[in-house]
């Protein structure tokens, strides 16, 4: 290995370790340190040495270890942050995962779905699948806001299963600012979801 390659290896490893275990990253995090080929070669060497782990195509992490369980899987949040940073896309939690994030379901689904304005993608983590589904600009209008989470969670739960208890749980969980956001974004929701959002937000 030449001095230049050794230097890139060292710089990349230094940046990786500055984030600590659990950090998920892509080759694009190191474009300022060398060419695409040089970065790819460095990451391959670090992977072979066991310093990093490749979890999917173009996705790596600093492995986390538990003294009882052993090697832990990366968090969904860490993967999402890496994908958003690399591809400059927006992601909106959907389905059962949106319901779980709002406390409306205790179950973390094995298939976690995100709507996106970027390309569709699958990231398999053992038995868990992270699925990115390309959708319309209207569906992404509330991405990153609590209203988007509420719309997607209610869509998953279904109109027939929404009762006073669920409305009360949402009302208790959301802040006054969150409720104002719901009222502002009602226009992006189907009629039946808009009615529930208004019920949650208004005194």
Protein backbone atom coordinates (compact mmCIF):
# COMPACT_ATOMS: atom_id res chain seq x y z
CA UNK A 1 0.00 0.00 0.00
CA UNK A 2 1.42 3.40 -1.00
CA UNK A 3 1.75 6.38 1.32
CA UNK A 4 -1.24 8.13 -0.26
CA UNK A 5 -3.52 5.13 0.19
CA UNK A 6 -2.27 4.70 3.74
CA UNK A 7 -3.06 8.36 4.43
CA UNK A 8 -6.61 8.03 3.08
CA UNK A 9 -7.10 4.87 5.14
CA UNK A 10 -5.99 6.68 8.29
CA UNK A 11 -8.13 9.76 7.62
CA UNK A 12 -11.22 7.68 6.93
CA UNK A 13 -10.70 5.56 10.04
CA UNK A 14 -10.17 8.68 12.13
CA UNK A 15 -13.46 10.15 10.91
CA UNK A 16 -15.29 6.87 11.48
CA UNK A 17 -14.08 6.50 15.04
CA UNK A 18 -14.90 10.13 15.85
CA UNK A 19 -18.58 9.14 15.66
CA UNK A 20 -18.45 6.05 17.85
CA UNK A 21 -20.23 2.68 17.75
CA UNK A 22 -23.60 2.55 16.02
CA UNK A 23 -22.85 5.24 13.43
CA UNK A 24 -24.14 4.26 9.99
CA UNK A 25 -22.39 5.83 7.01
CA UNK A 26 -21.91 5.66 3.26
CA UNK A 27 -18.89 6.28 0.99
CA UNK A 28 -20.25 9.79 0.35
CA UNK A 29 -19.24 10.75 3.90
CA UNK A 30 -15.61 10.69 2.73
CA UNK A 31 -15.68 12.28 -0.72
CA UNK A 32 -13.51 15.14 0.52
CA UNK A 33 -10.72 12.72 1.48
CA UNK A 34 -10.08 11.03 -1.86
CA UNK A 35 -11.49 9.71 -5.10
CA UNK A 36 -14.48 7.38 -5.20
CA UNK A 37 -12.20 4.45 -6.01
CA UNK A 38 -9.75 5.28 -3.21
CA UNK A 39 -12.56 5.60 -0.67
CA UNK A 40 -14.15 2.32 -1.79
CA UNK A 41 -10.79 0.53 -1.49
CA UNK A 42 -10.17 1.97 1.98
CA UNK A 43 -13.62 0.91 3.20
CA UNK A 44 -13.04 -2.57 1.79
CA UNK A 45 -9.77 -2.86 3.72
CA UNK A 46 -11.35 -1.61 6.95
CA UNK A 47 -14.21 -4.10 6.48
CA UNK A 48 -11.78 -6.97 5.96
CA UNK A 49 -9.89 -5.90 9.09
CA UNK A 50 -13.13 -6.00 11.10
CA UNK A 51 -13.09 -2.29 11.97
CA UNK A 52 -16.40 -1.70 10.19
CA UNK A 53 -19.31 -3.84 9.01
CA UNK A 54 -21.18 -3.62 5.73
CA UNK A 55 -24.91 -3.87 6.44
CA UNK A 56 -26.23 -3.35 2.91
CA UNK A 57 -25.02 -2.15 -0.47
CA UNK A 58 -23.31 1.19 0.12
CA UNK A 59 -24.13 1.19 3.85
CA UNK A 60 -21.63 0.56 6.64
CA UNK A 61 -21.56 0.85 10.41
CA UNK A 62 -19.26 0.77 13.39
CA UNK A 63 -20.42 -2.46 15.05
CA UNK A 64 -21.97 -2.23 18.49
CA UNK A 65 -21.40 -5.04 20.96
CA UNK A 66 -23.49 -6.16 23.93
CA UNK A 67 -21.78 -8.28 26.54
CA UNK A 68 -24.72 -10.69 26.64
CA UNK A 69 -26.30 -10.53 23.17
CA UNK A 70 -23.17 -9.96 21.11
CA UNK A 71 -23.24 -7.83 17.96
CA UNK A 72 -26.24 -5.52 17.78
CA UNK A 73 -28.11 -4.45 14.67
CA UNK A 74 -27.92 -0.77 13.70
CA UNK A 75 -30.87 1.42 14.66
CA UNK A 76 -33.48 2.36 12.08
CA UNK A 77 -32.87 6.04 12.86
CA UNK A 78 -29.15 5.70 12.09
CA UNK A 79 -29.86 4.02 8.75
CA UNK A 80 -32.45 6.63 7.79
CA UNK A 81 -30.07 9.47 8.66
CA UNK A 82 -27.34 7.93 6.49
CA UNK A 83 -29.67 7.44 3.51
CA UNK A 84 -31.08 10.96 3.75
CA UNK A 85 -27.61 12.45 3.92
CA UNK A 86 -26.30 10.44 0.98
CA UNK A 87 -29.21 10.74 -1.41
CA UNK A 88 -30.61 14.15 -0.35
CA UNK A 89 -34.07 12.62 -0.05
CA UNK A 90 -36.95 13.00 2.35
CA UNK A 91 -38.37 10.03 4.22
CA UNK A 92 -41.77 9.75 5.87
CA UNK A 93 -42.46 6.85 8.29
CA UNK A 94 -45.52 4.94 7.20
CA UNK A 95 -47.69 1.96 8.13
CA UNK A 96 -47.22 0.17 11.43
CA UNK A 97 -43.94 1.98 12.09
CA UNK A 98 -45.71 5.37 12.07
CA UNK A 99 -48.29 4.00 14.52
CA UNK A 100 -45.50 2.68 16.74
CA UNK A 101 -43.67 6.02 16.77
CA UNK A 102 -46.87 7.73 17.95
CA UNK A 103 -47.43 5.19 20.71
CA UNK A 104 -50.57 3.84 19.02
CA UNK A 105 -49.02 0.40 18.63
CA UNK A 106 -46.48 -1.34 20.85
CA UNK A 107 -45.30 -3.63 18.07
CA UNK A 108 -42.29 -2.70 15.95
CA UNK A 109 -43.06 -4.27 12.55
CA UNK A 110 -40.55 -6.56 10.86
CA UNK A 111 -41.17 -4.59 7.66
CA UNK A 112 -40.59 -0.88 8.27
CA UNK A 113 -41.95 1.27 5.46
CA UNK A 114 -40.89 4.81 4.59
CA UNK A 115 -42.44 6.91 1.85
CA UNK A 116 -39.86 8.88 -0.12
CA UNK A 117 -39.45 11.37 -2.93
CA UNK A 118 -36.31 9.47 -3.92
CA UNK A 119 -35.82 6.04 -5.50
CA UNK A 120 -37.40 2.91 -4.07
CA UNK A 121 -35.02 0.73 -2.07
CA UNK A 122 -34.85 -2.31 0.19
CA UNK A 123 -32.44 -2.64 3.12
CA UNK A 124 -32.47 -6.10 4.73
CA UNK A 125 -31.19 -6.30 8.31
CA UNK A 126 -31.41 -9.93 9.34
CA UNK A 127 -35.13 -10.61 9.68
CA UNK A 128 -36.04 -6.92 9.54
CA UNK A 129 -36.70 -5.16 6.25
CA UNK A 130 -36.57 -1.40 5.69
CA UNK A 131 -38.56 -0.55 2.60
CA UNK A 132 -38.42 2.82 0.82
CA UNK A 133 -41.46 3.39 -1.41
CA UNK A 134 -41.47 6.21 -3.94
CA UNK A 135 -44.66 8.24 -3.65
CA UNK A 136 -46.39 11.41 -4.88
CA UNK A 137 -45.43 14.99 -3.96
CA UNK A 138 -48.77 15.34 -2.14
CA UNK A 139 -48.03 12.36 0.10
CA UNK A 140 -44.63 13.90 0.92
CA UNK A 141 -46.01 17.39 1.61
CA UNK A 142 -46.08 16.70 5.36
CA UNK A 143 -42.85 14.67 5.53
CA UNK A 144 -40.83 15.33 8.66
CA UNK A 145 -43.81 16.87 10.47
CA UNK A 146 -45.98 15.31 13.15
CA UNK A 147 -48.99 15.73 10.86
CA UNK A 148 -47.37 13.39 8.33
CA UNK A 149 -46.84 10.82 11.05
CA UNK A 150 -50.48 11.10 12.17
CA UNK A 151 -51.83 10.83 8.62
CA UNK A 152 -49.80 7.71 7.88
CA UNK A 153 -50.57 6.08 11.24
CA UNK A 154 -54.32 6.62 10.88
CA UNK A 155 -54.24 5.38 7.30
CA UNK A 156 -52.60 2.19 8.59
CA UNK A 157 -55.02 1.72 11.49
CA UNK A 158 -58.09 2.29 9.31
CA UNK A 159 -61.25 4.31 9.87
CA UNK A 160 -63.19 1.42 11.41
CA UNK A 161 -60.62 0.96 14.17
CA UNK A 162 -60.36 4.59 15.28
CA UNK A 163 -62.33 5.15 18.51
CA UNK A 164 -62.51 7.69 21.33
CA UNK A 165 -59.70 5.93 23.22
CA UNK A 166 -57.30 6.30 20.31
CA UNK A 167 -58.25 9.96 19.83
CA UNK A 168 -57.65 10.56 23.54
CA UNK A 169 -54.22 8.90 23.34
CA UNK A 170 -53.22 11.08 20.43
CA UNK A 171 -54.53 14.21 22.13
CA UNK A 172 -52.52 13.41 25.25
CA UNK A 173 -49.34 12.61 23.34
CA UNK A 174 -49.23 15.68 21.10
CA UNK A 175 -48.13 19.11 22.26
CA UNK A 176 -50.09 22.30 21.60
CA UNK A 177 -47.66 23.12 18.78
CA UNK A 178 -48.20 19.65 17.31
CA UNK A 179 -51.96 20.19 17.35
CA UNK A 180 -51.59 23.52 15.57
CA UNK A 181 -49.53 21.73 12.93
CA UNK A 182 -52.35 19.21 12.47
CA UNK A 183 -54.83 22.01 11.80
CA UNK A 184 -52.48 23.64 9.29
CA UNK A 185 -51.97 20.38 7.37
CA UNK A 186 -55.56 19.10 7.35
CA UNK A 187 -55.77 19.90 3.62
CA UNK A 188 -53.26 17.14 2.85
CA UNK A 189 -55.33 14.40 4.54
CA UNK A 190 -58.24 12.31 3.23
CA UNK A 191 -61.61 13.58 4.52
CA UNK A 192 -62.03 10.97 7.27
CA UNK A 193 -58.49 11.48 8.57
CA UNK A 194 -58.92 15.28 8.42
CA UNK A 195 -61.98 14.95 10.66
CA UNK A 196 -59.99 12.96 13.24
CA UNK A 197 -57.08 15.41 13.08
CA UNK A 198 -59.51 18.24 13.80
CA UNK A 199 -61.01 16.26 16.67
CA UNK A 200 -57.55 15.67 18.16
CA UNK A 201 -56.39 19.26 17.71
CA UNK A 202 -59.42 21.27 18.80
CA UNK A 203 -60.33 21.66 22.51
